Amino acid sequence: MNETYTLPPSAPHANHGKTTASWVFTIGSVIGALIIAVGIAMYQPVAQIAGIGVLVLAALAGLGLRAAGKGQPREKTDGAWYR
């Protein structure tokens, strides 16, 4: 009964997800959603498709920046936080 337990690890870094990759993805997603909304309101299928294209580009840019090291860093754990 003399086992000592620790709390599970919290977020590894203090940026709380406020990274370049997340900002690029968020702003791109908002712009893409606005383009889609305007396209729906004005019944312009070309604008709707363009908005979808902006969303795809925002996702690819976010993933690319994350792969380039501009996203939330990851720490490797063995999965046993209770040791």
PDB file of N, CA and C in Angstrom:
ATOM      1  N   MET A   1       0.800  -1.206   0.000  1.00  0.00           N
ATOM      2  CA  MET A   1       0.000   0.000   0.000  1.00  0.00           C
ATOM      3  C   MET A   1       0.840   1.267   0.000  1.00  0.00           C
ATOM      4  N   ASN A   2       2.137   1.135  -0.136  1.00  0.00           N
ATOM      5  CA  ASN A   2       2.986   2.318  -0.146  1.00  0.00           C
ATOM      6  C   ASN A   2       3.337   2.748  -1.564  1.00  0.00           C
ATOM      7  N   GLU A   3       2.398   2.645  -2.466  1.00  0.00           N
ATOM      8  CA  GLU A   3       2.663   3.072  -3.835  1.00  0.00           C
ATOM      9  C   GLU A   3       2.353   4.548  -3.974  1.00  0.00           C
ATOM     10  N   THR A   4       3.218   5.220  -4.685  1.00  0.00           N
ATOM     11  CA  THR A   4       3.017   6.642  -4.926  1.00  0.00           C
ATOM     12  C   THR A   4       2.587   6.830  -6.371  1.00  0.00           C
ATOM     13  N   TYR A   5       1.488   7.524  -6.558  1.00  0.00           N
ATOM     14  CA  TYR A   5       0.988   7.784  -7.891  1.00  0.00           C
ATOM     15  C   TYR A   5       1.121   9.265  -8.207  1.00  0.00           C
ATOM     16  N   THR A   6       1.325   9.547  -9.479  1.00  0.00           N
ATOM     17  CA  THR A   6       1.400  10.940  -9.912  1.00  0.00           C
ATOM     18  C   THR A   6       0.238  11.228 -10.850  1.00  0.00           C
ATOM     19  N   LEU A   7       0.016  12.485 -11.083  1.00  0.00           N
ATOM     20  CA  LEU A   7      -1.034  12.876 -12.004  1.00  0.00           C
ATOM     21  C   LEU A   7      -0.607  12.591 -13.439  1.00  0.00           C
ATOM     22  N   PRO A   8      -1.557  12.390 -14.328  1.00  0.00           N
ATOM     23  CA  PRO A   8      -1.181  12.194 -15.733  1.00  0.00           C
ATOM     24  C   PRO A   8      -0.563  13.472 -16.292  1.00  0.00           C
ATOM     25  N   PRO A   9       0.266  13.334 -17.312  1.00  0.00           N
ATOM     26  CA  PRO A   9       0.903  14.532 -17.862  1.00  0.00           C
ATOM     27  C   PRO A   9      -0.127  15.472 -18.471  1.00  0.00           C
ATOM     28  N   SER A  10       0.090  16.741 -18.268  1.00  0.00           N
ATOM     29  CA  SER A  10      -0.820  17.732 -18.840  1.00  0.00           C
ATOM     30  C   SER A  10      -0.292  18.127 -20.216  1.00  0.00           C
ATOM     31  N   ALA A  11      -0.805  19.209 -20.755  1.00  0.00           N
ATOM     32  CA  ALA A  11      -0.349  19.676 -22.055  1.00  0.00           C
ATOM     33  C   ALA A  11       1.162  19.878 -22.009  1.00  0.00           C
ATOM     34  N   PRO A  12       1.888  19.391 -23.004  1.00  0.00           N
ATOM     35  CA  PRO A  12       3.339  19.420 -22.925  1.00  0.00           C
ATOM     36  C   PRO A  12       3.948  20.803 -23.004  1.00  0.00           C
ATOM     37  N   HIS A  13       3.235  21.759 -23.583  1.00  0.00           N
ATOM     38  CA  HIS A  13       3.821  23.083 -23.750  1.00  0.00           C
ATOM     39  C   HIS A  13       2.800  24.138 -23.359  1.00  0.00           C
ATOM     40  N   ALA A  14       3.262  25.340 -23.109  1.00  0.00           N
ATOM     41  CA  ALA A  14       2.401  26.405 -22.602  1.00  0.00           C
ATOM     42  C   ALA A  14       1.773  27.256 -23.702  1.00  0.00           C
ATOM     43  N   ASN A  15       1.821  26.806 -24.965  1.00  0.00           N
ATOM     44  CA  ASN A  15       1.246  27.643 -26.015  1.00  0.00           C
ATOM     45  C   ASN A  15      -0.252  27.399 -26.178  1.00  0.00           C
ATOM     46  N   HIS A  16      -0.809  26.392 -25.546  1.00  0.00           N
ATOM     47  CA  HIS A  16      -2.247  26.101 -25.551  1.00  0.00           C
ATOM     48  C   HIS A  16      -2.807  25.997 -26.963  1.00  0.00           C
ATOM     49  N   GLY A  17      -2.023  25.514 -27.891  1.00  0.00           N
ATOM     50  CA  GLY A  17      -2.485  25.344 -29.259  1.00  0.00           C
ATOM     51  C   GLY A  17      -2.454  26.603 -30.094  1.00  0.00           C
ATOM     52  N   LYS A  18      -1.957  27.688 -29.552  1.00  0.00           N
ATOM     53  CA  LYS A  18      -1.889  28.948 -30.297  1.00  0.00           C
ATOM     54  C   LYS A  18      -0.607  28.955 -31.122  1.00  0.00           C
ATOM     55  N   THR A  19      -0.623  28.205 -32.193  1.00  0.00           N
ATOM     56  CA  THR A  19       0.554  28.062 -33.036  1.00  0.00           C
ATOM     57  C   THR A  19       0.267  28.649 -34.412  1.00  0.00           C
ATOM     58  N   THR A  20       1.314  28.801 -35.182  1.00  0.00           N
ATOM     59  CA  THR A  20       1.155  29.320 -36.541  1.00  0.00           C
ATOM     60  C   THR A  20       0.270  28.390 -37.369  1.00  0.00           C
ATOM     61  N   ALA A  21       0.474  27.096 -37.231  1.00  0.00           N
ATOM     62  CA  ALA A  21      -0.324  26.136 -38.002  1.00  0.00           C
ATOM     63  C   ALA A  21      -1.809  26.239 -37.649  1.00  0.00           C
ATOM     64  N   SER A  22      -2.120  26.375 -36.383  1.00  0.00           N
ATOM     65  CA  SER A  22      -3.533  26.444 -35.994  1.00  0.00           C
ATOM     66  C   SER A  22      -4.172  27.754 -36.430  1.00  0.00           C
ATOM     67  N   TRP A  23      -3.427  28.845 -36.365  1.00  0.00           N
ATOM     68  CA  TRP A  23      -3.978  30.132 -36.798  1.00  0.00           C
ATOM     69  C   TRP A  23      -4.221  30.146 -38.300  1.00  0.00           C
ATOM     70  N   VAL A  24      -3.305  29.620 -39.079  1.00  0.00           N
ATOM     71  CA  VAL A  24      -3.491  29.570 -40.532  1.00  0.00           C
ATOM     72  C   VAL A  24      -4.711  28.716 -40.869  1.00  0.00           C
ATOM     73  N   PHE A  25      -4.836  27.571 -40.217  1.00  0.00           N
ATOM     74  CA  PHE A  25      -5.989  26.710 -40.485  1.00  0.00           C
ATOM     75  C   PHE A  25      -7.297  27.382 -40.065  1.00  0.00           C
ATOM     76  N   THR A  26      -7.315  28.008 -38.915  1.00  0.00           N
ATOM     77  CA  THR A  26      -8.542  28.634 -38.419  1.00  0.00           C
ATOM     78  C   THR A  26      -8.976  29.801 -39.304  1.00  0.00           C
ATOM     79  N   ILE A  27      -8.045  30.683 -39.627  1.00  0.00           N
ATOM     80  CA  ILE A  27      -8.393  31.835 -40.463  1.00  0.00           C
ATOM     81  C   ILE A  27      -8.801  31.380 -41.865  1.00  0.00           C
ATOM     82  N   GLY A  28      -8.090  30.421 -42.427  1.00  0.00           N
ATOM     83  CA  GLY A  28      -8.461  29.888 -43.741  1.00  0.00           C
ATOM     84  C   GLY A  28      -9.817  29.227 -43.731  1.00  0.00           C
ATOM     85  N   SER A  29     -10.142  28.521 -42.654  1.00  0.00           N
ATOM     86  CA  SER A  29     -11.446  27.866 -42.548  1.00  0.00           C
ATOM     87  C   SER A  29     -12.577  28.888 -42.448  1.00  0.00           C
ATOM     88  N   VAL A  30     -12.354  29.953 -41.698  1.00  0.00           N
ATOM     89  CA  VAL A  30     -13.377  30.997 -41.574  1.00  0.00           C
ATOM     90  C   VAL A  30     -13.602  31.678 -42.918  1.00  0.00           C
ATOM     91  N   ILE A  31     -12.532  31.994 -43.625  1.00  0.00           N
ATOM     92  CA  ILE A  31     -12.667  32.625 -44.940  1.00  0.00           C
ATOM     93  C   ILE A  31     -13.377  31.693 -45.914  1.00  0.00           C
ATOM     94  N   GLY A  32     -12.998  30.421 -45.913  1.00  0.00           N
ATOM     95  CA  GLY A  32     -13.662  29.445 -46.787  1.00  0.00           C
ATOM     96  C   GLY A  32     -15.137  29.295 -46.460  1.00  0.00           C
ATOM     97  N   ALA A  33     -15.477  29.263 -45.177  1.00  0.00           N
ATOM     98  CA  ALA A  33     -16.883  29.147 -44.787  1.00  0.00           C
ATOM     99  C   ALA A  33     -17.673  30.385 -45.194  1.00  0.00           C
ATOM    100  N   LEU A  34     -17.058  31.571 -45.092  1.00  0.00           N
ATOM    101  CA  LEU A  34     -17.735  32.796 -45.529  1.00  0.00           C
ATOM    102  C   LEU A  34     -17.969  32.791 -47.040  1.00  0.00           C
ATOM    103  N   ILE A  35     -17.002  32.318 -47.801  1.00  0.00           N
ATOM    104  CA  ILE A  35     -17.172  32.245 -49.257  1.00  0.00           C
ATOM    105  C   ILE A  35     -18.294  31.273 -49.605  1.00  0.00           C
ATOM    106  N   ILE A  36     -18.342  30.143 -48.914  1.00  0.00           N
ATOM    107  CA  ILE A  36     -19.417  29.176 -49.151  1.00  0.00           C
ATOM    108  C   ILE A  36     -20.771  29.784 -48.791  1.00  0.00           C
ATOM    109  N   ALA A  37     -20.843  30.484 -47.663  1.00  0.00           N
ATOM    110  CA  ALA A  37     -22.102  31.090 -47.233  1.00  0.00           C
ATOM    111  C   ALA A  37     -22.595  32.129 -48.233  1.00  0.00           C
ATOM    112  N   VAL A  38     -21.684  32.957 -48.736  1.00  0.00           N
ATOM    113  CA  VAL A  38     -22.070  33.956 -49.741  1.00  0.00           C
ATOM    114  C   VAL A  38     -22.512  33.255 -51.021  1.00  0.00           C
ATOM    115  N   GLY A  39     -21.814  32.210 -51.393  1.00  0.00           N
ATOM    116  CA  GLY A  39     -22.198  31.445 -52.586  1.00  0.00           C
ATOM    117  C   GLY A  39     -23.573  30.810 -52.450  1.00  0.00           C
ATOM    118  N   ILE A  40     -23.896  30.334 -51.257  1.00  0.00           N
ATOM    119  CA  ILE A  40     -25.223  29.759 -51.029  1.00  0.00           C
ATOM    120  C   ILE A  40     -26.285  30.849 -51.062  1.00  0.00           C
ATOM    121  N   ALA A  41     -26.010  31.983 -50.421  1.00  0.00           N
ATOM    122  CA  ALA A  41     -26.986  33.066 -50.368  1.00  0.00           C
ATOM    123  C   ALA A  41     -27.262  33.649 -51.752  1.00  0.00           C
ATOM    124  N   MET A  42     -26.246  33.713 -52.583  1.00  0.00           N
ATOM    125  CA  MET A  42     -26.408  34.291 -53.919  1.00  0.00           C
ATOM    126  C   MET A  42     -26.655  33.222 -54.980  1.00  0.00           C
ATOM    127  N   TYR A  43     -26.736  31.980 -54.580  1.00  0.00           N
ATOM    128  CA  TYR A  43     -26.911  30.831 -55.474  1.00  0.00           C
ATOM    129  C   TYR A  43     -25.878  30.859 -56.592  1.00  0.00           C
ATOM    130  N   GLN A  44     -24.612  30.843 -56.175  1.00  0.00           N
ATOM    131  CA  GLN A  44     -23.483  30.814 -57.099  1.00  0.00           C
ATOM    132  C   GLN A  44     -22.664  29.551 -56.836  1.00  0.00           C
ATOM    133  N   PRO A  45     -22.913  28.495 -57.606  1.00  0.00           N
ATOM    134  CA  PRO A  45     -22.163  27.253 -57.388  1.00  0.00           C
ATOM    135  C   PRO A  45     -20.647  27.427 -57.526  1.00  0.00           C
ATOM    136  N   VAL A  46     -20.224  28.354 -58.383  1.00  0.00           N
ATOM    137  CA  VAL A  46     -18.778  28.568 -58.544  1.00  0.00           C
ATOM    138  C   VAL A  46     -18.172  29.091 -57.240  1.00  0.00           C
ATOM    139  N   ALA A  47     -18.880  29.989 -56.562  1.00  0.00           N
ATOM    140  CA  ALA A  47     -18.391  30.514 -55.282  1.00  0.00           C
ATOM    141  C   ALA A  47     -18.377  29.414 -54.222  1.00  0.00           C
ATOM    142  N   GLN A  48     -19.361  28.550 -54.253  1.00  0.00           N
ATOM    143  CA  GLN A  48     -19.395  27.453 -53.281  1.00  0.00           C
ATOM    144  C   GLN A  48     -18.210  26.519 -53.489  1.00  0.00           C
ATOM    145  N   ILE A  49     -17.922  26.202 -54.734  1.00  0.00           N
ATOM    146  CA  ILE A  49     -16.782  25.334 -55.028  1.00  0.00           C
ATOM    147  C   ILE A  49     -15.472  26.032 -54.659  1.00  0.00           C
ATOM    148  N   ALA A  50     -15.404  27.342 -54.913  1.00  0.00           N
ATOM    149  CA  ALA A  50     -14.202  28.095 -54.534  1.00  0.00           C
ATOM    150  C   ALA A  50     -14.015  28.076 -53.014  1.00  0.00           C
ATOM    151  N   GLY A  51     -15.109  28.201 -52.266  1.00  0.00           N
ATOM    152  CA  GLY A  51     -15.026  28.132 -50.802  1.00  0.00           C
ATOM    153  C   GLY A  51     -14.536  26.781 -50.323  1.00  0.00           C
ATOM    154  N   ILE A  52     -15.002  25.733 -50.974  1.00  0.00           N
ATOM    155  CA  ILE A  52     -14.526  24.389 -50.625  1.00  0.00           C
ATOM    156  C   ILE A  52     -13.032  24.272 -50.929  1.00  0.00           C
ATOM    157  N   GLY A  53     -12.615  24.872 -52.047  1.00  0.00           N
ATOM    158  CA  GLY A  53     -11.192  24.870 -52.384  1.00  0.00           C
ATOM    159  C   GLY A  53     -10.361  25.597 -51.339  1.00  0.00           C
ATOM    160  N   VAL A  54     -10.885  26.725 -50.843  1.00  0.00           N
ATOM    161  CA  VAL A  54     -10.171  27.465 -49.798  1.00  0.00           C
ATOM    162  C   VAL A  54     -10.073  26.619 -48.527  1.00  0.00           C
ATOM    163  N   LEU A  55     -11.140  25.897 -48.190  1.00  0.00           N
ATOM    164  CA  LEU A  55     -11.099  25.017 -47.013  1.00  0.00           C
ATOM    165  C   LEU A  55     -10.045  23.925 -47.170  1.00  0.00           C
ATOM    166  N   VAL A  56      -9.984  23.338 -48.344  1.00  0.00           N
ATOM    167  CA  VAL A  56      -8.990  22.283 -48.586  1.00  0.00           C
ATOM    168  C   VAL A  56      -7.580  22.862 -48.502  1.00  0.00           C
ATOM    169  N   LEU A  57      -7.369  24.039 -49.110  1.00  0.00           N
ATOM    170  CA  LEU A  57      -6.052  24.670 -49.037  1.00  0.00           C
ATOM    171  C   LEU A  57      -5.672  25.035 -47.608  1.00  0.00           C
ATOM    172  N   ALA A  58      -6.641  25.488 -46.811  1.00  0.00           N
ATOM    173  CA  ALA A  58      -6.358  25.818 -45.413  1.00  0.00           C
ATOM    174  C   ALA A  58      -5.948  24.563 -44.642  1.00  0.00           C
ATOM    175  N   ALA A  59      -6.639  23.458 -44.900  1.00  0.00           N
ATOM    176  CA  ALA A  59      -6.288  22.215 -44.217  1.00  0.00           C
ATOM    177  C   ALA A  59      -4.893  21.744 -44.618  1.00  0.00           C
ATOM    178  N   LEU A  60      -4.589  21.814 -45.915  1.00  0.00           N
ATOM    179  CA  LEU A  60      -3.261  21.394 -46.375  1.00  0.00           C
ATOM    180  C   LEU A  60      -2.169  22.314 -45.835  1.00  0.00           C
ATOM    181  N   ALA A  61      -2.452  23.620 -45.776  1.00  0.00           N
ATOM    182  CA  ALA A  61      -1.465  24.558 -45.236  1.00  0.00           C
ATOM    183  C   ALA A  61      -1.232  24.290 -43.750  1.00  0.00           C
ATOM    184  N   GLY A  62      -2.296  24.025 -43.000  1.00  0.00           N
ATOM    185  CA  GLY A  62      -2.144  23.719 -41.577  1.00  0.00           C
ATOM    186  C   GLY A  62      -1.344  22.451 -41.349  1.00  0.00           C
ATOM    187  N   LEU A  63      -1.638  21.424 -42.145  1.00  0.00           N
ATOM    188  CA  LEU A  63      -0.885  20.175 -42.010  1.00  0.00           C
ATOM    189  C   LEU A  63       0.576  20.361 -42.425  1.00  0.00           C
ATOM    190  N   GLY A  64       0.778  21.144 -43.474  1.00  0.00           N
ATOM    191  CA  GLY A  64       2.153  21.403 -43.914  1.00  0.00           C
ATOM    192  C   GLY A  64       2.954  22.168 -42.875  1.00  0.00           C
ATOM    193  N   LEU A  65       2.337  23.173 -42.276  1.00  0.00           N
ATOM    194  CA  LEU A  65       3.035  23.930 -41.228  1.00  0.00           C
ATOM    195  C   LEU A  65       3.286  23.067 -39.999  1.00  0.00           C
ATOM    196  N   ARG A  66       2.345  22.192 -39.689  1.00  0.00           N
ATOM    197  CA  ARG A  66       2.552  21.287 -38.557  1.00  0.00           C
ATOM    198  C   ARG A  66       3.723  20.351 -38.826  1.00  0.00           C
ATOM    199  N   ALA A  67       3.800  19.853 -40.064  1.00  0.00           N
ATOM    200  CA  ALA A  67       4.910  18.970 -40.424  1.00  0.00           C
ATOM    201  C   ALA A  67       6.239  19.731 -40.437  1.00  0.00           C
ATOM    202  N   ALA A  68       6.181  21.029 -40.706  1.00  0.00           N
ATOM    203  CA  ALA A  68       7.395  21.845 -40.731  1.00  0.00           C
ATOM    204  C   ALA A  68       7.824  22.294 -39.336  1.00  0.00           C
ATOM    205  N   GLY A  69       7.072  21.904 -38.316  1.00  0.00           N
ATOM    206  CA  GLY A  69       7.464  22.235 -36.951  1.00  0.00           C
ATOM    207  C   GLY A  69       6.817  23.485 -36.393  1.00  0.00           C
ATOM    208  N   LYS A  70       5.808  24.011 -37.059  1.00  0.00           N
ATOM    209  CA  LYS A  70       5.141  25.225 -36.597  1.00  0.00           C
ATOM    210  C   LYS A  70       3.856  24.926 -35.831  1.00  0.00           C
ATOM    211  N   GLY A  71       3.626  23.667 -35.509  1.00  0.00           N
ATOM    212  CA  GLY A  71       2.438  23.269 -34.762  1.00  0.00           C
ATOM    213  C   GLY A  71       2.779  22.881 -33.340  1.00  0.00           C
ATOM    214  N   GLN A  72       1.827  22.248 -32.682  1.00  0.00           N
ATOM    215  CA  GLN A  72       2.016  21.795 -31.308  1.00  0.00           C
ATOM    216  C   GLN A  72       3.009  20.639 -31.286  1.00  0.00           C
ATOM    217  N   PRO A  73       4.129  20.760 -30.557  1.00  0.00           N
ATOM    218  CA  PRO A  73       5.068  19.650 -30.472  1.00  0.00           C
ATOM    219  C   PRO A  73       4.458  18.470 -29.714  1.00  0.00           C
ATOM    220  N   ARG A  74       4.925  17.314 -30.039  1.00  0.00           N
ATOM    221  CA  ARG A  74       4.443  16.105 -29.360  1.00  0.00           C
ATOM    222  C   ARG A  74       5.565  15.504 -28.540  1.00  0.00           C
ATOM    223  N   GLU A  75       5.181  14.970 -27.399  1.00  0.00           N
ATOM    224  CA  GLU A  75       6.155  14.259 -26.565  1.00  0.00           C
ATOM    225  C   GLU A  75       5.813  12.781 -26.600  1.00  0.00           C
ATOM    226  N   LYS A  76       6.826  11.960 -26.643  1.00  0.00           N
ATOM    227  CA  LYS A  76       6.591  10.522 -26.621  1.00  0.00           C
ATOM    228  C   LYS A  76       6.453  10.069 -25.176  1.00  0.00           C
ATOM    229  N   THR A  77       5.416   9.327 -24.909  1.00  0.00           N
ATOM    230  CA  THR A  77       5.237   8.729 -23.586  1.00  0.00           C
ATOM    231  C   THR A  77       5.056   7.233 -23.753  1.00  0.00           C
ATOM    232  N   ASP A  78       5.344   6.501 -22.731  1.00  0.00           N
ATOM    233  CA  ASP A  78       5.175   5.055 -22.810  1.00  0.00           C
ATOM    234  C   ASP A  78       3.746   4.640 -22.492  1.00  0.00           C
ATOM    235  N   GLY A  79       2.892   5.582 -22.166  1.00  0.00           N
ATOM    236  CA  GLY A  79       1.498   5.277 -21.900  1.00  0.00           C
ATOM    237  C   GLY A  79       1.198   4.973 -20.458  1.00  0.00           C
ATOM    238  N   ALA A  80       2.207   4.739 -19.640  1.00  0.00           N
ATOM    239  CA  ALA A  80       1.976   4.401 -18.240  1.00  0.00           C
ATOM    240  C   ALA A  80       2.264   5.622 -17.378  1.00  0.00           C
ATOM    241  N   TRP A  81       1.283   6.474 -17.226  1.00  0.00           N
ATOM    242  CA  TRP A  81       1.473   7.696 -16.467  1.00  0.00           C
ATOM    243  C   TRP A  81       1.451   7.459 -14.959  1.00  0.00           C
ATOM    244  N   TYR A  82       1.000   6.282 -14.534  1.00  0.00           N
ATOM    245  CA  TYR A  82       0.828   6.009 -13.109  1.00  0.00           C
ATOM    246  C   TYR A  82       2.100   5.457 -12.446  1.00  0.00           C
ATOM    247  N   ARG A  83       3.201   5.328 -13.186  1.00  0.00           N
ATOM    248  CA  ARG A  83       4.430   4.790 -12.597  1.00  0.00           C
ATOM    249  C   ARG A  83       5.216   5.869 -11.921  1.00  0.00           C
TER     250      ARG A  83
END
